[in-house]
N, C-alpha and C. Protein backbone atom coordinates (compact mmCIF):
# COMPACT_ATOMS: atom_id res chain seq x y z
N MET A 1 49.57 -3.18 12.20
CA MET A 1 48.62 -4.25 12.36
C MET A 1 48.69 -5.18 11.15
N GLU A 2 48.52 -6.44 11.37
CA GLU A 2 48.55 -7.40 10.29
C GLU A 2 47.31 -7.27 9.42
N ARG A 3 47.49 -7.68 8.18
CA ARG A 3 46.37 -7.59 7.23
C ARG A 3 45.21 -8.48 7.67
N LYS A 4 45.48 -9.69 8.18
CA LYS A 4 44.43 -10.60 8.64
C LYS A 4 43.67 -10.00 9.82
N THR A 5 44.38 -9.34 10.70
CA THR A 5 43.75 -8.73 11.87
C THR A 5 42.83 -7.60 11.43
N ILE A 6 43.25 -6.80 10.49
CA ILE A 6 42.42 -5.69 9.99
C ILE A 6 41.18 -6.25 9.30
N LEU A 7 41.36 -7.32 8.51
CA LEU A 7 40.24 -7.93 7.82
C LEU A 7 39.22 -8.48 8.82
N LYS A 8 39.69 -9.15 9.87
CA LYS A 8 38.79 -9.68 10.89
C LYS A 8 38.05 -8.55 11.60
N LEU A 9 38.74 -7.47 11.90
CA LEU A 9 38.13 -6.33 12.56
C LEU A 9 37.03 -5.72 11.69
N VAL A 10 37.32 -5.58 10.41
CA VAL A 10 36.33 -5.03 9.48
C VAL A 10 35.12 -5.95 9.39
N LEU A 11 35.35 -7.26 9.27
CA LEU A 11 34.25 -8.21 9.19
C LEU A 11 33.39 -8.21 10.45
N TRP A 12 34.04 -8.14 11.61
CA TRP A 12 33.28 -8.11 12.86
C TRP A 12 32.50 -6.80 13.02
N THR A 13 32.95 -5.77 12.39
CA THR A 13 32.24 -4.49 12.45
C THR A 13 31.07 -4.46 11.46
N ILE A 14 31.28 -4.99 10.26
CA ILE A 14 30.27 -4.93 9.21
C ILE A 14 29.22 -6.03 9.36
N ALA A 15 29.60 -7.21 9.78
CA ALA A 15 28.68 -8.35 9.84
C ALA A 15 27.41 -8.05 10.64
N PRO A 16 27.48 -7.45 11.83
CA PRO A 16 26.24 -7.17 12.56
C PRO A 16 25.31 -6.21 11.80
N LEU A 17 25.89 -5.30 11.04
CA LEU A 17 25.07 -4.35 10.30
C LEU A 17 24.26 -5.04 9.21
N ILE A 18 24.78 -6.11 8.67
CA ILE A 18 24.08 -6.85 7.62
C ILE A 18 22.83 -7.52 8.18
N PHE A 19 22.90 -7.97 9.43
CA PHE A 19 21.80 -8.73 10.01
C PHE A 19 20.79 -7.86 10.76
N ILE A 20 21.05 -6.58 10.86
CA ILE A 20 20.10 -5.68 11.52
C ILE A 20 19.01 -5.35 10.53
N GLN A 21 17.76 -5.62 10.90
CA GLN A 21 16.65 -5.36 9.99
C GLN A 21 16.28 -3.89 10.09
N CYS A 22 16.16 -3.28 8.95
CA CYS A 22 15.74 -1.89 8.91
C CYS A 22 14.24 -1.82 9.12
N ASP A 23 13.81 -0.84 9.89
CA ASP A 23 12.38 -0.63 10.08
C ASP A 23 11.78 -0.05 8.82
N SER A 24 10.53 -0.40 8.59
CA SER A 24 9.81 0.16 7.46
C SER A 24 9.62 1.65 7.69
N PRO A 25 9.72 2.44 6.63
CA PRO A 25 9.50 3.87 6.79
C PRO A 25 8.01 4.19 6.97
N HIS A 26 7.15 3.20 6.81
CA HIS A 26 5.71 3.42 6.88
C HIS A 26 5.17 3.04 8.26
N PHE A 27 4.13 3.75 8.67
CA PHE A 27 3.45 3.42 9.92
C PHE A 27 2.77 2.06 9.80
N TYR A 28 2.18 1.81 8.64
CA TYR A 28 1.49 0.55 8.39
C TYR A 28 1.63 0.22 6.91
N GLN A 29 1.83 -1.06 6.60
CA GLN A 29 1.88 -1.49 5.21
C GLN A 29 1.45 -2.94 5.14
N GLU A 30 0.45 -3.22 4.30
CA GLU A 30 0.02 -4.61 4.09
C GLU A 30 -0.38 -4.79 2.64
N GLN A 31 0.09 -5.88 2.07
CA GLN A 31 -0.21 -6.20 0.67
C GLN A 31 -1.15 -7.40 0.63
N ILE A 32 -2.18 -7.30 -0.22
CA ILE A 32 -3.09 -8.43 -0.42
C ILE A 32 -3.08 -8.75 -1.91
N SER A 33 -2.79 -10.00 -2.21
CA SER A 33 -2.71 -10.46 -3.59
C SER A 33 -4.08 -10.90 -4.08
N VAL A 34 -4.41 -10.53 -5.32
CA VAL A 34 -5.61 -11.05 -5.98
C VAL A 34 -5.21 -11.96 -7.15
N GLN A 35 -3.93 -12.13 -7.35
CA GLN A 35 -3.34 -13.09 -8.28
C GLN A 35 -3.89 -12.96 -9.70
N ASN A 36 -3.90 -11.73 -10.20
CA ASN A 36 -4.27 -11.47 -11.59
C ASN A 36 -5.72 -11.78 -11.91
N ASN A 37 -6.57 -11.91 -10.89
CA ASN A 37 -7.97 -12.25 -11.12
C ASN A 37 -8.79 -11.77 -9.93
N TRP A 38 -9.21 -10.50 -9.96
CA TRP A 38 -9.93 -9.92 -8.83
C TRP A 38 -11.42 -10.07 -9.06
N ASP A 39 -12.03 -10.99 -8.35
CA ASP A 39 -13.46 -11.25 -8.45
C ASP A 39 -14.23 -10.06 -7.87
N LYS A 40 -15.34 -9.72 -8.52
CA LYS A 40 -16.15 -8.57 -8.11
C LYS A 40 -16.66 -8.71 -6.67
N ASP A 41 -16.87 -9.94 -6.21
CA ASP A 41 -17.38 -10.19 -4.86
C ASP A 41 -16.27 -10.30 -3.82
N SER A 42 -15.02 -10.27 -4.25
CA SER A 42 -13.89 -10.42 -3.33
C SER A 42 -13.57 -9.08 -2.67
N VAL A 43 -13.62 -9.07 -1.35
CA VAL A 43 -13.34 -7.86 -0.57
C VAL A 43 -11.96 -7.99 0.06
N LEU A 44 -11.12 -6.98 -0.15
CA LEU A 44 -9.81 -6.94 0.48
C LEU A 44 -9.94 -6.17 1.79
N ASN A 45 -9.58 -6.80 2.90
CA ASN A 45 -9.72 -6.17 4.22
C ASN A 45 -8.35 -5.91 4.83
N PHE A 46 -8.13 -4.65 5.17
CA PHE A 46 -6.91 -4.22 5.84
C PHE A 46 -7.30 -3.77 7.24
N GLN A 47 -6.70 -4.37 8.26
CA GLN A 47 -6.99 -3.98 9.63
C GLN A 47 -5.73 -3.43 10.27
N PHE A 48 -5.85 -2.28 10.90
CA PHE A 48 -4.69 -1.64 11.52
C PHE A 48 -5.12 -0.97 12.81
N GLU A 49 -4.14 -0.79 13.70
CA GLU A 49 -4.42 -0.20 15.01
C GLU A 49 -3.77 1.18 15.10
N ILE A 50 -4.55 2.12 15.60
CA ILE A 50 -4.06 3.47 15.85
C ILE A 50 -3.95 3.64 17.36
N LYS A 51 -2.75 3.97 17.81
CA LYS A 51 -2.52 4.19 19.24
C LYS A 51 -2.25 5.65 19.56
N ASP A 52 -1.91 6.44 18.53
CA ASP A 52 -1.51 7.83 18.73
C ASP A 52 -2.47 8.74 17.98
N THR A 53 -3.25 9.52 18.70
CA THR A 53 -4.19 10.44 18.06
C THR A 53 -3.61 11.84 17.91
N ALA A 54 -2.38 12.04 18.33
CA ALA A 54 -1.77 13.37 18.23
C ALA A 54 -1.27 13.66 16.82
N GLY A 55 -1.01 12.63 16.06
CA GLY A 55 -0.45 12.83 14.72
C GLY A 55 -1.50 12.87 13.63
N ARG A 56 -1.02 13.14 12.44
CA ARG A 56 -1.86 13.09 11.24
C ARG A 56 -1.26 12.05 10.30
N TYR A 57 -2.10 11.54 9.40
CA TYR A 57 -1.70 10.41 8.57
C TYR A 57 -2.07 10.64 7.10
N ASN A 58 -1.26 10.05 6.21
CA ASN A 58 -1.58 9.96 4.79
C ASN A 58 -1.82 8.50 4.46
N PHE A 59 -2.88 8.23 3.72
CA PHE A 59 -3.25 6.88 3.32
C PHE A 59 -3.04 6.74 1.81
N PHE A 60 -2.34 5.69 1.42
CA PHE A 60 -2.09 5.40 0.01
C PHE A 60 -2.52 3.97 -0.30
N LEU A 61 -2.94 3.75 -1.52
CA LEU A 61 -3.12 2.41 -2.05
C LEU A 61 -2.07 2.23 -3.14
N LEU A 62 -1.34 1.16 -3.06
CA LEU A 62 -0.33 0.85 -4.08
C LEU A 62 -0.91 -0.25 -4.96
N SER A 63 -1.17 0.10 -6.20
CA SER A 63 -1.73 -0.83 -7.16
C SER A 63 -0.60 -1.42 -8.00
N ARG A 64 -0.67 -2.73 -8.25
CA ARG A 64 0.29 -3.38 -9.16
C ARG A 64 -0.51 -4.12 -10.22
N ASN A 65 -0.33 -3.68 -11.47
CA ASN A 65 -1.02 -4.32 -12.58
C ASN A 65 -0.03 -4.79 -13.63
N ASN A 66 -0.47 -5.79 -14.40
CA ASN A 66 0.35 -6.28 -15.49
C ASN A 66 -0.27 -5.85 -16.83
N ASN A 67 0.32 -6.30 -17.93
CA ASN A 67 -0.15 -5.88 -19.26
C ASN A 67 -1.48 -6.49 -19.67
N GLU A 68 -1.99 -7.44 -18.90
CA GLU A 68 -3.31 -8.02 -19.20
C GLU A 68 -4.45 -7.11 -18.76
N TYR A 69 -4.15 -6.08 -17.98
CA TYR A 69 -5.22 -5.20 -17.50
C TYR A 69 -5.81 -4.46 -18.71
N PRO A 70 -7.13 -4.61 -18.96
CA PRO A 70 -7.70 -4.12 -20.21
C PRO A 70 -8.14 -2.65 -20.20
N TYR A 71 -8.02 -1.95 -19.08
CA TYR A 71 -8.56 -0.59 -18.98
C TYR A 71 -7.46 0.41 -18.65
N SER A 72 -7.79 1.68 -18.81
CA SER A 72 -6.84 2.74 -18.44
C SER A 72 -7.13 3.29 -17.05
N ASN A 73 -8.27 2.91 -16.48
CA ASN A 73 -8.64 3.39 -15.16
C ASN A 73 -9.04 2.22 -14.26
N LEU A 74 -9.25 2.53 -13.00
CA LEU A 74 -9.65 1.53 -12.01
C LEU A 74 -10.60 2.19 -11.02
N TYR A 75 -11.80 1.65 -10.91
CA TYR A 75 -12.75 2.11 -9.90
C TYR A 75 -12.64 1.21 -8.68
N LEU A 76 -12.64 1.83 -7.51
CA LEU A 76 -12.60 1.09 -6.24
C LEU A 76 -13.72 1.59 -5.34
N PHE A 77 -14.36 0.65 -4.65
CA PHE A 77 -15.33 0.98 -3.62
C PHE A 77 -14.65 0.72 -2.28
N THR A 78 -14.57 1.74 -1.44
CA THR A 78 -13.90 1.59 -0.15
C THR A 78 -14.87 1.86 0.99
N LYS A 79 -14.61 1.19 2.10
CA LYS A 79 -15.36 1.44 3.33
C LYS A 79 -14.36 1.42 4.48
N LEU A 80 -14.17 2.59 5.09
CA LEU A 80 -13.28 2.72 6.24
C LEU A 80 -14.14 2.73 7.49
N THR A 81 -13.85 1.80 8.40
CA THR A 81 -14.58 1.71 9.68
C THR A 81 -13.63 2.09 10.79
N ASP A 82 -14.01 3.12 11.56
CA ASP A 82 -13.11 3.58 12.63
C ASP A 82 -13.31 2.76 13.90
N ALA A 83 -12.58 3.11 14.94
CA ALA A 83 -12.58 2.36 16.19
C ALA A 83 -13.94 2.36 16.88
N ASN A 84 -14.77 3.36 16.57
CA ASN A 84 -16.11 3.44 17.17
C ASN A 84 -17.19 2.77 16.31
N GLY A 85 -16.80 2.26 15.15
CA GLY A 85 -17.76 1.60 14.27
C GLY A 85 -18.38 2.52 13.23
N THR A 86 -17.99 3.77 13.20
CA THR A 86 -18.48 4.70 12.19
C THR A 86 -17.83 4.36 10.85
N THR A 87 -18.64 4.34 9.78
CA THR A 87 -18.10 3.98 8.47
C THR A 87 -18.11 5.18 7.53
N TYR A 88 -17.10 5.20 6.66
CA TYR A 88 -16.95 6.23 5.63
C TYR A 88 -16.77 5.50 4.31
N GLU A 89 -17.75 5.65 3.42
CA GLU A 89 -17.70 4.95 2.14
C GLU A 89 -17.34 5.91 1.02
N ASP A 90 -16.52 5.42 0.08
CA ASP A 90 -16.08 6.21 -1.06
C ASP A 90 -16.11 5.37 -2.32
N THR A 91 -16.36 6.03 -3.44
CA THR A 91 -16.15 5.47 -4.76
C THR A 91 -15.00 6.25 -5.36
N LEU A 92 -13.93 5.55 -5.72
CA LEU A 92 -12.72 6.20 -6.19
C LEU A 92 -12.42 5.77 -7.62
N GLN A 93 -11.90 6.70 -8.41
CA GLN A 93 -11.43 6.37 -9.75
C GLN A 93 -9.97 6.80 -9.86
N TYR A 94 -9.14 5.87 -10.29
CA TYR A 94 -7.73 6.15 -10.50
C TYR A 94 -7.38 5.84 -11.95
N TYR A 95 -6.53 6.66 -12.52
CA TYR A 95 -6.04 6.41 -13.88
C TYR A 95 -4.73 5.65 -13.81
N LEU A 96 -4.68 4.51 -14.51
CA LEU A 96 -3.49 3.66 -14.54
C LEU A 96 -2.70 3.82 -15.83
N ALA A 97 -3.31 4.48 -16.83
CA ALA A 97 -2.64 4.66 -18.13
C ALA A 97 -2.99 6.04 -18.68
N TYR A 98 -2.09 6.54 -19.52
CA TYR A 98 -2.34 7.78 -20.24
C TYR A 98 -3.32 7.51 -21.38
N ARG A 99 -3.80 8.56 -22.02
CA ARG A 99 -4.75 8.41 -23.14
C ARG A 99 -4.16 7.62 -24.30
N ASN A 100 -2.84 7.69 -24.47
CA ASN A 100 -2.20 6.96 -25.57
C ASN A 100 -1.98 5.48 -25.25
N GLY A 101 -2.38 5.04 -24.05
CA GLY A 101 -2.26 3.63 -23.66
C GLY A 101 -1.01 3.30 -22.87
N GLU A 102 -0.10 4.26 -22.74
CA GLU A 102 1.13 4.02 -21.97
C GLU A 102 0.78 3.97 -20.48
N TRP A 103 1.30 2.93 -19.80
CA TRP A 103 1.02 2.77 -18.38
C TRP A 103 1.67 3.88 -17.57
N ILE A 104 0.99 4.30 -16.52
CA ILE A 104 1.54 5.23 -15.54
C ILE A 104 2.18 4.37 -14.45
N GLY A 105 3.25 4.83 -13.85
CA GLY A 105 3.86 4.08 -12.76
C GLY A 105 5.23 3.56 -13.14
N THR A 106 5.79 2.80 -12.21
CA THR A 106 7.14 2.28 -12.40
C THR A 106 7.10 0.78 -12.64
N GLY A 107 8.12 0.29 -13.32
CA GLY A 107 8.23 -1.14 -13.57
C GLY A 107 8.11 -1.45 -15.05
N ASN A 108 8.42 -2.66 -15.42
CA ASN A 108 8.36 -3.08 -16.82
C ASN A 108 7.06 -3.83 -17.09
N SER A 109 7.05 -5.14 -16.88
CA SER A 109 5.84 -5.92 -17.15
C SER A 109 4.85 -5.83 -15.99
N LEU A 110 5.29 -5.35 -14.84
CA LEU A 110 4.43 -5.17 -13.68
C LEU A 110 4.56 -3.71 -13.25
N LYS A 111 3.48 -2.95 -13.35
CA LYS A 111 3.50 -1.52 -13.05
C LYS A 111 3.00 -1.27 -11.64
N GLU A 112 3.76 -0.48 -10.90
CA GLU A 112 3.37 -0.05 -9.56
C GLU A 112 2.98 1.42 -9.60
N LEU A 113 1.86 1.73 -8.94
CA LEU A 113 1.39 3.11 -8.93
C LEU A 113 0.82 3.43 -7.55
N TYR A 114 1.38 4.48 -6.91
CA TYR A 114 0.86 4.97 -5.64
C TYR A 114 -0.39 5.78 -5.90
N LEU A 115 -1.47 5.43 -5.22
CA LEU A 115 -2.74 6.11 -5.36
C LEU A 115 -3.07 6.77 -4.03
N LEU A 116 -3.20 8.06 -4.01
CA LEU A 116 -3.55 8.76 -2.78
C LEU A 116 -5.00 8.45 -2.42
N TYR A 117 -5.21 7.92 -1.23
CA TYR A 117 -6.57 7.58 -0.77
C TYR A 117 -7.11 8.70 0.12
N ARG A 118 -6.38 9.03 1.16
CA ARG A 118 -6.77 10.14 2.05
C ARG A 118 -5.51 10.85 2.50
N GLU A 119 -5.59 12.16 2.59
CA GLU A 119 -4.41 12.97 2.89
C GLU A 119 -4.63 13.80 4.14
N ASN A 120 -3.58 13.87 4.96
CA ASN A 120 -3.57 14.75 6.13
C ASN A 120 -4.75 14.46 7.08
N VAL A 121 -4.94 13.19 7.38
CA VAL A 121 -6.08 12.74 8.18
C VAL A 121 -5.75 12.85 9.66
N THR A 122 -6.65 13.47 10.40
CA THR A 122 -6.54 13.52 11.86
C THR A 122 -7.40 12.39 12.41
N ILE A 123 -6.81 11.54 13.24
CA ILE A 123 -7.52 10.43 13.86
C ILE A 123 -7.87 10.83 15.29
N THR A 124 -9.13 10.70 15.63
CA THR A 124 -9.56 11.17 16.95
C THR A 124 -9.71 10.06 17.99
N ASP A 125 -9.77 8.80 17.53
CA ASP A 125 -9.98 7.70 18.47
C ASP A 125 -8.93 6.61 18.28
N THR A 126 -8.41 6.09 19.38
CA THR A 126 -7.48 4.98 19.31
C THR A 126 -8.27 3.68 19.14
N GLY A 127 -7.62 2.69 18.62
CA GLY A 127 -8.26 1.39 18.47
C GLY A 127 -8.05 0.80 17.10
N LEU A 128 -8.83 -0.26 16.80
CA LEU A 128 -8.72 -0.96 15.53
C LEU A 128 -9.56 -0.28 14.46
N TYR A 129 -8.96 -0.16 13.29
CA TYR A 129 -9.63 0.40 12.12
C TYR A 129 -9.61 -0.66 11.03
N ASN A 130 -10.60 -0.61 10.14
CA ASN A 130 -10.66 -1.56 9.04
C ASN A 130 -10.97 -0.81 7.75
N LEU A 131 -10.20 -1.11 6.72
CA LEU A 131 -10.48 -0.58 5.39
C LEU A 131 -10.79 -1.77 4.50
N SER A 132 -11.99 -1.78 3.93
CA SER A 132 -12.35 -2.82 2.96
C SER A 132 -12.39 -2.19 1.58
N VAL A 133 -11.87 -2.92 0.60
CA VAL A 133 -11.77 -2.43 -0.77
C VAL A 133 -12.31 -3.49 -1.72
N ARG A 134 -13.20 -3.05 -2.62
CA ARG A 134 -13.71 -3.92 -3.69
C ARG A 134 -13.44 -3.24 -5.02
N GLN A 135 -13.21 -4.03 -6.05
CA GLN A 135 -13.06 -3.45 -7.37
C GLN A 135 -14.43 -3.05 -7.87
N GLY A 136 -14.49 -1.91 -8.55
CA GLY A 136 -15.76 -1.37 -9.01
C GLY A 136 -15.89 -1.36 -10.52
N MET A 137 -15.16 -2.21 -11.20
CA MET A 137 -15.26 -2.29 -12.65
C MET A 137 -16.44 -3.19 -13.03
N ARG A 138 -16.81 -3.20 -14.28
CA ARG A 138 -17.99 -3.94 -14.72
C ARG A 138 -17.73 -5.43 -14.88
N GLU A 139 -16.49 -5.82 -14.84
CA GLU A 139 -16.11 -7.22 -15.03
C GLU A 139 -16.37 -8.04 -13.77
N LYS A 140 -16.90 -9.24 -13.93
CA LYS A 140 -17.06 -10.16 -12.80
C LYS A 140 -15.70 -10.59 -12.28
N GLU A 141 -14.80 -10.91 -13.22
CA GLU A 141 -13.43 -11.29 -12.86
C GLU A 141 -12.49 -10.34 -13.57
N LEU A 142 -11.86 -9.48 -12.82
CA LEU A 142 -11.00 -8.43 -13.37
C LEU A 142 -9.57 -8.96 -13.51
N LYS A 143 -9.13 -9.10 -14.75
CA LYS A 143 -7.77 -9.59 -15.03
C LYS A 143 -6.78 -8.43 -14.99
N GLY A 144 -5.54 -8.74 -14.66
CA GLY A 144 -4.45 -7.78 -14.77
C GLY A 144 -4.04 -7.09 -13.49
N ILE A 145 -4.87 -7.11 -12.47
CA ILE A 145 -4.47 -6.55 -11.18
C ILE A 145 -3.83 -7.68 -10.38
N GLU A 146 -2.61 -7.47 -9.95
CA GLU A 146 -1.89 -8.49 -9.20
C GLU A 146 -2.16 -8.40 -7.69
N ASP A 147 -2.07 -7.17 -7.17
CA ASP A 147 -2.28 -6.99 -5.74
C ASP A 147 -2.53 -5.52 -5.44
N LEU A 148 -2.97 -5.31 -4.21
CA LEU A 148 -3.22 -3.96 -3.71
C LEU A 148 -2.60 -3.88 -2.32
N THR A 149 -1.92 -2.78 -2.06
CA THR A 149 -1.26 -2.58 -0.77
C THR A 149 -1.81 -1.32 -0.13
N LEU A 150 -2.11 -1.40 1.15
CA LEU A 150 -2.46 -0.21 1.92
C LEU A 150 -1.20 0.26 2.63
N ILE A 151 -0.87 1.53 2.43
CA ILE A 151 0.29 2.13 3.09
C ILE A 151 -0.21 3.35 3.86
N ILE A 152 0.14 3.40 5.14
CA ILE A 152 -0.21 4.56 5.96
C ILE A 152 1.09 5.16 6.47
N ASP A 153 1.26 6.44 6.21
CA ASP A 153 2.42 7.17 6.68
C ASP A 153 1.98 8.19 7.71
N LYS A 154 2.72 8.23 8.80
CA LYS A 154 2.47 9.26 9.81
C LYS A 154 3.23 10.52 9.39
N ILE A 155 2.54 11.63 9.38
CA ILE A 155 3.15 12.88 8.99
C ILE A 155 3.97 13.41 10.16
N SER A 156 5.23 13.68 9.91
CA SER A 156 6.08 14.19 10.99
C SER A 156 5.66 15.62 11.34
N SER A 157 5.66 15.90 12.62
CA SER A 157 5.25 17.24 13.09
C SER A 157 6.51 18.04 13.42
N GLU A 158 7.08 18.59 12.38
CA GLU A 158 8.32 19.36 12.55
C GLU A 158 8.04 20.81 12.68
């Protein structure tokens, strides 16, 4: 076979693979930016639909902070509303830095940290769910938090 023919064959085989979008490994993922200034009255709302009640789920919050964040911890007030309108409220504290001031998480000037919100959750009703999150720090305008992402993973039943 000629070299040009082999090259064309390889390109025609590889090119479609480049344009195929890979599915997210997560059941649900949404990021909401607070743009380095999270106002105490600003509520982040994540809305997601559950269609399968046979599985179990893990809920994570992915926090991204920069070096302007003045604290080693982060308090969050959450309210999860299920498909029937029942609400579950939590006050959560997460540590973003070690005692020596070194940030926990990955990244250089922007640190990412997975925060476990709820683990091994059984969902009993299908429909729309809403998670609202407010910052619970004492500051009116909290500097240093860039965004918060809700990630929901379906636990495989192997």
